[in-house]
C-alpha atoms as a PDB file:
ATOM      1  CA  LEU A   1       8.369  -4.227  -9.637  1.00  0.00           C
ATOM      2  CA  ASP A   2       6.788  -5.337  -6.366  1.00  0.00           C
ATOM      3  CA  LEU A   3       6.974  -8.992  -5.335  1.00  0.00           C
ATOM      4  CA  PHE A   4       4.475  -9.839  -2.614  1.00  0.00           C
ATOM      5  CA  VAL A   5       3.675 -12.908  -0.555  1.00  0.00           C
ATOM      6  CA  SER A   6       1.084 -13.137   2.210  1.00  0.00           C
ATOM      7  CA  ALA A   7      -0.564 -15.623   4.520  1.00  0.00           C
ATOM      8  CA  ASP A   8      -4.019 -15.294   6.031  1.00  0.00           C
ATOM      9  CA  LEU A   9      -3.774 -15.804   9.783  1.00  0.00           C
ATOM     10  CA  GLY A  10      -7.518 -16.083  10.342  1.00  0.00           C
ATOM     11  CA  THR A  11     -10.413 -14.071  11.704  1.00  0.00           C
ATOM     12  CA  PHE A  12     -10.266 -12.719  15.244  1.00  0.00           C
ATOM     13  CA  ALA A  13     -13.233 -10.851  16.784  1.00  0.00           C
ATOM     14  CA  GLY A  14     -14.578 -10.231  13.280  1.00  0.00           C
ATOM     15  CA  PHE A  15     -11.278  -8.856  11.929  1.00  0.00           C
ATOM     16  CA  ASP A  16      -9.444 -10.636   9.092  1.00  0.00           C
ATOM     17  CA  VAL A  17      -5.701 -10.725   9.790  1.00  0.00           C
ATOM     18  CA  ALA A  18      -2.866 -11.394   7.330  1.00  0.00           C
ATOM     19  CA  LEU A  19       0.913 -11.246   7.467  1.00  0.00           C
ATOM     20  CA  GLY A  20       2.881 -10.376   4.336  1.00  0.00           C
ATOM     21  CA  TYR A  21       6.230  -9.457   2.856  1.00  0.00           C
ATOM     22  CA  THR A  22       6.786  -7.127  -0.101  1.00  0.00           C
ATOM     23  CA  HIS A  23      10.073  -6.729  -1.937  1.00  0.00           C
ATOM     24  CA  PHE A  24      10.374  -3.579  -4.044  1.00  0.00           C
ATOM     25  CA  ILE A  25      12.727  -3.771  -7.039  1.00  0.00           C
ATOM     26  CA  PHE A  26      13.904  -0.578  -8.736  1.00  0.00           C
ATOM     27  CA  PRO A  27      15.443  -1.428 -12.134  1.00  0.00           C
ATOM     28  CA  GLU A  28      16.245   2.245 -12.788  1.00  0.00           C
ATOM     29  CA  PHE A  29      18.877   2.124  -9.994  1.00  0.00           C
ATOM     30  CA  ARG A  30      20.834  -0.875 -11.315  1.00  0.00           C
ATOM     31  CA  SER A  31      23.838   1.217 -12.389  1.00  0.00           C
ATOM     32  CA  ASN A  32      23.694   3.662  -9.473  1.00  0.00           C
ATOM     33  CA  VAL A  33      24.915   3.382  -5.919  1.00  0.00           C
ATOM     34  CA  THR A  34      21.916   4.078  -3.677  1.00  0.00           C
ATOM     35  CA  PRO A  35      21.157   3.483   0.008  1.00  0.00           C
ATOM     36  CA  VAL A  36      18.709   0.733  -0.932  1.00  0.00           C
ATOM     37  CA  GLY A  37      20.654  -0.780  -3.834  1.00  0.00           C
ATOM     38  CA  THR A  38      18.227  -2.258  -6.330  1.00  0.00           C
ATOM     39  CA  GLY A  39      15.428  -2.762  -3.830  1.00  0.00           C
ATOM     40  CA  TYR A  40      14.334  -3.344  -0.285  1.00  0.00           C
ATOM     41  CA  GLY A  41      11.736  -5.259   1.687  1.00  0.00           C
ATOM     42  CA  GLU A  42       8.850  -4.568   4.040  1.00  0.00           C
ATOM     43  CA  LEU A  43       7.128  -6.851   6.520  1.00  0.00           C
ATOM     44  CA  GLY A  44       3.448  -6.023   6.931  1.00  0.00           C
ATOM     45  CA  LEU A  45       0.462  -6.802   9.127  1.00  0.00           C
ATOM     46  CA  ASP A  46      -2.947  -6.253   7.498  1.00  0.00           C
ATOM     47  CA  ILE A  47      -6.197  -6.085   9.458  1.00  0.00           C
ATOM     48  CA  SER A  48      -9.577  -5.597   7.793  1.00  0.00           C
ATOM     49  CA  ARG A  49     -13.264  -5.789   8.584  1.00  0.00           C
ATOM     50  CA  SER A  50     -16.476  -5.215   6.717  1.00  0.00           C
ATOM     51  CA  LEU A  51     -18.557  -2.462   8.287  1.00  0.00           C
ATOM     52  CA  GLY A  52     -21.505  -3.252   6.038  1.00  0.00           C
ATOM     53  CA  ILE A  53     -21.602  -0.259   3.741  1.00  0.00           C
ATOM     54  CA  VAL A  54     -17.767  -0.014   3.453  1.00  0.00           C
ATOM     55  CA  ASP A  55     -14.747  -2.101   4.388  1.00  0.00           C
ATOM     56  CA  LEU A  56     -12.213  -0.859   6.936  1.00  0.00           C
ATOM     57  CA  ALA A  57      -8.547  -1.655   6.225  1.00  0.00           C
ATOM     58  CA  TYR A  58      -5.495  -1.069   8.436  1.00  0.00           C
ATOM     59  CA  GLU A  59      -1.902  -1.937   7.657  1.00  0.00           C
ATOM     60  CA  SER A  60       1.328  -1.626   9.595  1.00  0.00           C
ATOM     61  CA  ASN A  61       4.598  -2.048   7.684  1.00  0.00           C
ATOM     62  CA  TYR A  62       8.215  -2.282   8.811  1.00  0.00           C
ATOM     63  CA  SER A  63      10.889  -1.283   6.284  1.00  0.00           C
ATOM     64  CA  PHE A  64      14.232  -3.083   6.109  1.00  0.00           C
ATOM     65  CA  ALA A  65      15.878  -0.112   4.335  1.00  0.00           C
ATOM     66  CA  GLY A  66      17.135   3.312   5.348  1.00  0.00           C
ATOM     67  CA  PRO A  67      16.327   4.064   8.989  1.00  0.00           C
ATOM     68  CA  ASN A  68      14.353   0.800   9.406  1.00  0.00           C
ATOM     69  CA  GLY A  69      11.142   2.609  10.310  1.00  0.00           C
ATOM     70  CA  TRP A  70       7.409   1.940  10.317  1.00  0.00           C
ATOM     71  CA  TYR A  71       4.442   3.332   8.479  1.00  0.00           C
ATOM     72  CA  HIS A  72       0.804   2.774   9.306  1.00  0.00           C
ATOM     73  CA  GLN A  73      -2.179   3.336   7.061  1.00  0.00           C
ATOM     74  CA  ILE A  74      -5.921   3.208   7.700  1.00  0.00           C
ATOM     75  CA  GLY A  75      -8.686   3.646   5.189  1.00  0.00           C
ATOM     76  CA  ILE A  76     -12.015   2.561   3.804  1.00  0.00           C
ATOM     77  CA  GLU A  77     -12.954   0.842   0.559  1.00  0.00           C
ATOM     78  CA  LYS A  78     -16.199   0.262  -1.296  1.00  0.00           C
ATOM     79  CA  SER A  79     -16.570  -2.382  -3.999  1.00  0.00           C
ATOM     80  CA  PHE A  80     -19.184  -2.208  -6.768  1.00  0.00           C
ATOM     81  CA  GLY A  81     -19.870  -5.348  -8.801  1.00  0.00           C
ATOM     82  CA  ILE A  82     -19.958  -4.609 -12.533  1.00  0.00           C
ATOM     83  CA  THR A  83     -20.166  -8.185 -13.824  1.00  0.00           C
ATOM     84  CA  ASP A  84     -19.636 -11.597 -12.238  1.00  0.00           C
ATOM     85  CA  ASN A  85     -15.872 -11.240 -12.812  1.00  0.00           C
ATOM     86  CA  ILE A  86     -15.262  -7.464 -12.703  1.00  0.00           C
ATOM     87  CA  SER A  87     -15.613  -4.969  -9.838  1.00  0.00           C
ATOM     88  CA  LEU A  88     -14.862  -1.289  -9.310  1.00  0.00           C
ATOM     89  CA  VAL A  89     -13.123  -0.633  -5.977  1.00  0.00           C
ATOM     90  CA  LEU A  90     -12.869   2.930  -4.609  1.00  0.00           C
ATOM     91  CA  GLY A  91     -10.774   3.732  -1.545  1.00  0.00           C
ATOM     92  CA  THR A  92      -9.489   6.555   0.609  1.00  0.00           C
ATOM     93  CA  GLY A  93      -7.420   6.855   3.770  1.00  0.00           C
ATOM     94  CA  ILE A  94      -4.513   8.403   5.629  1.00  0.00           C
ATOM     95  CA  GLY A  95      -0.991   7.291   6.561  1.00  0.00           C
ATOM     96  CA  TYR A  96       1.354   7.891   9.486  1.00  0.00           C
ATOM     97  CA  SER A  97       5.149   7.612   9.280  1.00  0.00           C
ATOM     98  CA  ASP A  98       7.247   6.551  12.275  1.00  0.00           C
ATOM     99  CA  ASN A  99      10.915   7.100  11.356  1.00  0.00           C
ATOM    100  CA  TYR A 100      10.209   5.547   7.935  1.00  0.00           C
ATOM    101  CA  PHE A 101      12.095   8.110   5.853  1.00  0.00           C
ATOM    102  CA  ALA A 102      15.686   9.264   6.325  1.00  0.00           C
ATOM    103  CA  ALA A 103      14.510  12.888   6.704  1.00  0.00           C
ATOM    104  CA  PRO A 104      14.768  14.436  10.191  1.00  0.00           C
ATOM    105  CA  ASN A 105      11.618  14.710  12.331  1.00  0.00           C
ATOM    106  CA  ASN A 106       9.670  12.332  10.122  1.00  0.00           C
ATOM    107  CA  SER A 107       7.428  10.691  12.716  1.00  0.00           C
ATOM    108  CA  ARG A 108       4.102  12.296  11.915  1.00  0.00           C
ATOM    109  CA  TRP A 109       1.229  12.220   9.424  1.00  0.00           C
ATOM    110  CA  ASN A 110       2.632  11.129   6.099  1.00  0.00           C
ATOM    111  CA  HIS A 111      -0.044  11.294   3.391  1.00  0.00           C
ATOM    112  CA  TYR A 112      -3.657  10.914   2.431  1.00  0.00           C
ATOM    113  CA  TYR A 113      -4.740   8.870  -0.562  1.00  0.00           C
ATOM    114  CA  VAL A 114      -7.590   8.119  -2.935  1.00  0.00           C
ATOM    115  CA  SER A 115      -7.601   5.128  -5.263  1.00  0.00           C
ATOM    116  CA  ALA A 116      -9.655   3.321  -7.875  1.00  0.00           C
ATOM    117  CA  SER A 117      -9.078  -0.189  -9.166  1.00  0.00           C
ATOM    118  CA  LEU A 118     -10.834  -2.590 -11.505  1.00  0.00           C
ATOM    119  CA  PRO A 119     -10.133  -6.201 -10.421  1.00  0.00           C
ATOM    120  CA  ILE A 120     -10.816  -8.636 -13.270  1.00  0.00           C
ATOM    121  CA  GLU A 121     -11.035 -12.274 -12.177  1.00  0.00           C
ATOM    122  CA  LEU A 122      -9.449 -14.260 -15.007  1.00  0.00           C
ATOM    123  CA  ASN A 123     -10.017 -17.623 -13.305  1.00  0.00           C
ATOM    124  CA  CYS A 124     -10.423 -18.975  -9.762  1.00  0.00           C
ATOM    125  CA  ARG A 125      -6.746 -18.248  -8.923  1.00  0.00           C
ATOM    126  CA  THR A 126      -5.738 -15.291 -11.103  1.00  0.00           C
ATOM    127  CA  THR A 127      -6.824 -11.645 -10.953  1.00  0.00           C
ATOM    128  CA  LEU A 128      -5.670  -8.800 -13.195  1.00  0.00           C
ATOM    129  CA  THR A 129      -6.153  -5.362 -11.594  1.00  0.00           C
ATOM    130  CA  PRO A 130      -5.601  -2.054 -13.379  1.00  0.00           C
ATOM    131  CA  TYR A 131      -5.454   0.787 -10.836  1.00  0.00           C
ATOM    132  CA  ILE A 132      -4.942   4.505 -10.414  1.00  0.00           C
ATOM    133  CA  GLY A 133      -4.268   6.437  -7.230  1.00  0.00           C
ATOM    134  CA  TYR A 134      -3.239   9.752  -5.777  1.00  0.00           C
ATOM    135  CA  ASN A 135      -1.068  10.341  -2.690  1.00  0.00           C
ATOM    136  CA  GLY A 136      -1.215  13.825  -1.244  1.00  0.00           C
ATOM    137  CA  GLY A 137       1.216  15.341   1.238  1.00  0.00           C
ATOM    138  CA  PRO A 138      -0.057  18.675   2.581  1.00  0.00           C
ATOM    139  CA  SER A 139       2.255  21.187   4.220  1.00  0.00           C
ATOM    140  CA  GLY A 140       3.271  19.889   7.640  1.00  0.00           C
ATOM    141  CA  TYR A 141       3.136  16.241   6.563  1.00  0.00           C
ATOM    142  CA  VAL A 142       6.368  14.244   6.263  1.00  0.00           C
ATOM    143  CA  THR A 143       5.927  14.134   2.478  1.00  0.00           C
ATOM    144  CA  GLY A 144       4.617  17.702   2.199  1.00  0.00           C
ATOM    145  CA  PRO A 145       6.114  20.601   0.222  1.00  0.00           C
ATOM    146  CA  GLY A 146       9.718  21.375   1.162  1.00  0.00           C
ATOM    147  CA  SER A 147      10.320  18.028   2.855  1.00  0.00           C
ATOM    148  CA  ILE A 148      11.447  14.852   1.076  1.00  0.00           C
ATOM    149  CA  GLY A 149       9.968  15.653  -2.329  1.00  0.00           C
ATOM    150  CA  GLN A 150       7.251  13.017  -2.415  1.00  0.00           C
ATOM    151  CA  GLY A 151       4.243  15.296  -1.866  1.00  0.00           C
ATOM    152  CA  ASP A 152       1.609  14.941  -4.555  1.00  0.00           C
ATOM    153  CA  ILE A 153       1.948  11.767  -6.594  1.00  0.00           C
ATOM    154  CA  LEU A 154      -0.438  10.417  -9.220  1.00  0.00           C
ATOM    155  CA  HIS A 155       0.350   6.768  -9.901  1.00  0.00           C
ATOM    156  CA  GLY A 156      -1.138   3.837 -11.732  1.00  0.00           C
ATOM    157  CA  GLY A 157      -0.378   0.443 -13.122  1.00  0.00           C
ATOM    158  CA  VAL A 158      -1.521  -3.134 -13.437  1.00  0.00           C
ATOM    159  CA  SER A 159      -1.279  -5.841 -10.796  1.00  0.00           C
ATOM    160  CA  LEU A 160      -1.342  -9.572 -11.518  1.00  0.00           C
ATOM    161  CA  SER A 161      -2.260 -11.729  -8.524  1.00  0.00           C
ATOM    162  CA  VAL A 162      -1.998 -15.524  -8.446  1.00  0.00           C
ATOM    163  CA  SER A 163      -3.253 -17.497  -5.422  1.00  0.00           C
ATOM    164  CA  PHE A 164      -2.039 -20.964  -4.431  1.00  0.00           C
END
């Protein structure tokens, strides 16, 4: 379960800037002793800008667990309107890890990703978003084969977003 809160800081030189905090909760670890207990938090800075044909998105996140490292991610997204309330969003990008994982020598390229989501606007404040994504970690990446075991991951789920 991910709990997320963010605040838009405004637009500067055409870039939209937001500051956020995400707390990750891992219910499967409740009875185990782990370095992160039942969860941990990340502070993030998000910067985005429309380039016309696609949107550019950059994020920088600081983890309050493990080695207290950073990861940075940059990518592009394209949204296709299906109806007035439903869109298809396709994205791709690459990530860089800076001492984020507890593995040695982990400050280097971390992963690439592709994603697809289907935001459904339920009302003016609530959006339900089913999504699917793939994170790849080629050989030589922090998450690549023989490293920390998080190489190729297919993931999906549903996000519920409520704005105040």
